[in-house]
Amino acid sequence: MEAKNALENYTYSLRNSLNDEKLKEKIPEADKKVVDDKVTEVIQWLDAHQSSEKEE
């Protein structure tokens, strides 16, 4: 459960970084899209497995 919380925190932190005005212009749009798509995928996985108690 601790690992899942850490993943969730990291994922949202990464998404916030992508939207940060200082970093926004330094990251190419194509790279931002790839990372944002993966972040969305991880968040959806976390939402679907909220009740999991064991590490999967």
N, C-alpha and C. Protein backbone atom coordinates (compact mmCIF):
# COMPACT_ATOMS: atom_id res chain seq x y z
N MET A 1 0.83 -1.19 0.00
CA MET A 1 0.00 0.00 0.00
C MET A 1 0.87 1.26 0.00
N GLU A 2 1.98 1.19 0.70
CA GLU A 2 2.89 2.33 0.77
C GLU A 2 3.47 2.65 -0.61
N ALA A 3 3.80 1.60 -1.36
CA ALA A 3 4.34 1.80 -2.71
C ALA A 3 3.29 2.43 -3.62
N LYS A 4 2.04 2.03 -3.45
CA LYS A 4 0.97 2.58 -4.28
C LYS A 4 0.77 4.07 -3.96
N ASN A 5 0.84 4.42 -2.70
CA ASN A 5 0.71 5.83 -2.32
C ASN A 5 1.87 6.65 -2.88
N ALA A 6 3.06 6.08 -2.83
CA ALA A 6 4.23 6.77 -3.38
C ALA A 6 4.08 6.97 -4.89
N LEU A 7 3.58 5.95 -5.57
CA LEU A 7 3.35 6.05 -7.01
C LEU A 7 2.32 7.13 -7.31
N GLU A 8 1.26 7.16 -6.54
CA GLU A 8 0.22 8.16 -6.75
C GLU A 8 0.77 9.57 -6.54
N ASN A 9 1.53 9.76 -5.47
CA ASN A 9 2.12 11.07 -5.20
C ASN A 9 3.07 11.48 -6.32
N TYR A 10 3.90 10.56 -6.77
CA TYR A 10 4.85 10.84 -7.85
C TYR A 10 4.11 11.19 -9.14
N THR A 11 3.06 10.45 -9.44
CA THR A 11 2.30 10.67 -10.67
C THR A 11 1.68 12.06 -10.69
N TYR A 12 1.04 12.45 -9.60
CA TYR A 12 0.43 13.78 -9.56
C TYR A 12 1.49 14.88 -9.55
N SER A 13 2.61 14.63 -8.91
CA SER A 13 3.71 15.58 -8.92
C SER A 13 4.25 15.78 -10.34
N LEU A 14 4.36 14.68 -11.06
CA LEU A 14 4.82 14.74 -12.45
C LEU A 14 3.84 15.53 -13.31
N ARG A 15 2.56 15.29 -13.13
CA ARG A 15 1.55 16.03 -13.89
C ARG A 15 1.63 17.52 -13.57
N ASN A 16 1.79 17.85 -12.30
CA ASN A 16 1.92 19.26 -11.92
C ASN A 16 3.16 19.89 -12.54
N SER A 17 4.24 19.14 -12.59
CA SER A 17 5.47 19.65 -13.21
C SER A 17 5.27 19.92 -14.69
N LEU A 18 4.53 19.06 -15.37
CA LEU A 18 4.27 19.27 -16.79
C LEU A 18 3.49 20.56 -17.04
N ASN A 19 2.69 20.96 -16.08
CA ASN A 19 1.87 22.16 -16.22
C ASN A 19 2.51 23.40 -15.63
N ASP A 20 3.69 23.24 -15.03
CA ASP A 20 4.40 24.36 -14.43
C ASP A 20 4.85 25.33 -15.52
N GLU A 21 4.56 26.60 -15.34
CA GLU A 21 4.88 27.61 -16.35
C GLU A 21 6.38 27.67 -16.65
N LYS A 22 7.22 27.46 -15.64
CA LYS A 22 8.67 27.54 -15.85
C LYS A 22 9.19 26.38 -16.70
N LEU A 23 8.58 25.22 -16.55
CA LEU A 23 9.04 24.04 -17.28
C LEU A 23 8.30 23.83 -18.59
N LYS A 24 7.12 24.40 -18.68
CA LYS A 24 6.24 24.17 -19.84
C LYS A 24 6.95 24.42 -21.17
N GLU A 25 7.71 25.48 -21.23
CA GLU A 25 8.36 25.85 -22.49
C GLU A 25 9.63 25.06 -22.76
N LYS A 26 10.16 24.39 -21.77
CA LYS A 26 11.42 23.65 -21.93
C LYS A 26 11.22 22.22 -22.41
N ILE A 27 10.00 21.74 -22.32
CA ILE A 27 9.71 20.35 -22.71
C ILE A 27 8.96 20.37 -24.03
N PRO A 28 9.47 19.66 -25.03
CA PRO A 28 8.77 19.61 -26.32
C PRO A 28 7.35 19.03 -26.16
N GLU A 29 6.42 19.54 -26.97
CA GLU A 29 5.02 19.11 -26.90
C GLU A 29 4.87 17.59 -27.05
N ALA A 30 5.63 17.01 -27.97
CA ALA A 30 5.53 15.56 -28.19
C ALA A 30 5.92 14.79 -26.93
N ASP A 31 6.96 15.25 -26.24
CA ASP A 31 7.39 14.59 -25.00
C ASP A 31 6.35 14.77 -23.90
N LYS A 32 5.78 15.98 -23.82
CA LYS A 32 4.74 16.22 -22.82
C LYS A 32 3.55 15.30 -23.04
N LYS A 33 3.18 15.11 -24.30
CA LYS A 33 2.04 14.24 -24.61
C LYS A 33 2.32 12.81 -24.18
N VAL A 34 3.52 12.31 -24.46
CA VAL A 34 3.88 10.94 -24.08
C VAL A 34 3.80 10.78 -22.57
N VAL A 35 4.38 11.72 -21.84
CA VAL A 35 4.39 11.64 -20.38
C VAL A 35 2.98 11.79 -19.83
N ASP A 36 2.22 12.74 -20.36
CA ASP A 36 0.86 12.96 -19.88
C ASP A 36 -0.03 11.74 -20.14
N ASP A 37 0.14 11.11 -21.29
CA ASP A 37 -0.63 9.90 -21.58
C ASP A 37 -0.31 8.79 -20.57
N LYS A 38 0.96 8.64 -20.24
CA LYS A 38 1.36 7.61 -19.27
C LYS A 38 0.86 7.96 -17.88
N VAL A 39 0.92 9.22 -17.51
CA VAL A 39 0.41 9.67 -16.21
C VAL A 39 -1.08 9.35 -16.11
N THR A 40 -1.82 9.65 -17.16
CA THR A 40 -3.26 9.35 -17.19
C THR A 40 -3.50 7.85 -17.04
N GLU A 41 -2.70 7.06 -17.72
CA GLU A 41 -2.83 5.60 -17.63
C GLU A 41 -2.59 5.11 -16.20
N VAL A 42 -1.57 5.64 -15.56
CA VAL A 42 -1.25 5.22 -14.19
C VAL A 42 -2.36 5.65 -13.23
N ILE A 43 -2.86 6.86 -13.39
CA ILE A 43 -3.94 7.34 -12.52
C ILE A 43 -5.19 6.48 -12.69
N GLN A 44 -5.50 6.12 -13.92
CA GLN A 44 -6.66 5.24 -14.16
C GLN A 44 -6.44 3.88 -13.52
N TRP A 45 -5.24 3.35 -13.59
CA TRP A 45 -4.93 2.07 -12.96
C TRP A 45 -5.09 2.19 -11.44
N LEU A 46 -4.56 3.27 -10.87
CA LEU A 46 -4.68 3.47 -9.43
C LEU A 46 -6.14 3.57 -9.00
N ASP A 47 -6.93 4.30 -9.78
CA ASP A 47 -8.36 4.44 -9.46
C ASP A 47 -9.08 3.09 -9.53
N ALA A 48 -8.71 2.27 -10.49
CA ALA A 48 -9.35 0.97 -10.66
C ALA A 48 -8.93 -0.03 -9.58
N HIS A 49 -7.81 0.23 -8.93
CA HIS A 49 -7.28 -0.70 -7.93
C HIS A 49 -7.18 -0.07 -6.55
N GLN A 50 -8.07 0.84 -6.24
CA GLN A 50 -8.04 1.53 -4.95
C GLN A 50 -8.17 0.58 -3.77
N SER A 51 -8.94 -0.46 -3.92
CA SER A 51 -9.21 -1.34 -2.78
C SER A 51 -8.19 -2.46 -2.65
N SER A 52 -7.23 -2.53 -3.55
CA SER A 52 -6.21 -3.58 -3.47
C SER A 52 -5.37 -3.40 -2.22
N GLU A 53 -5.15 -4.49 -1.51
CA GLU A 53 -4.37 -4.41 -0.29
C GLU A 53 -2.97 -4.97 -0.46
N LYS A 54 -2.79 -5.86 -1.41
CA LYS A 54 -1.48 -6.43 -1.67
C LYS A 54 -0.89 -5.77 -2.88
N GLU A 55 0.45 -5.75 -2.92
CA GLU A 55 1.10 -5.21 -4.10
C GLU A 55 0.86 -6.15 -5.27
N GLU A 56 0.55 -5.56 -6.42
CA GLU A 56 0.27 -6.37 -7.61
C GLU A 56 1.44 -6.33 -8.55
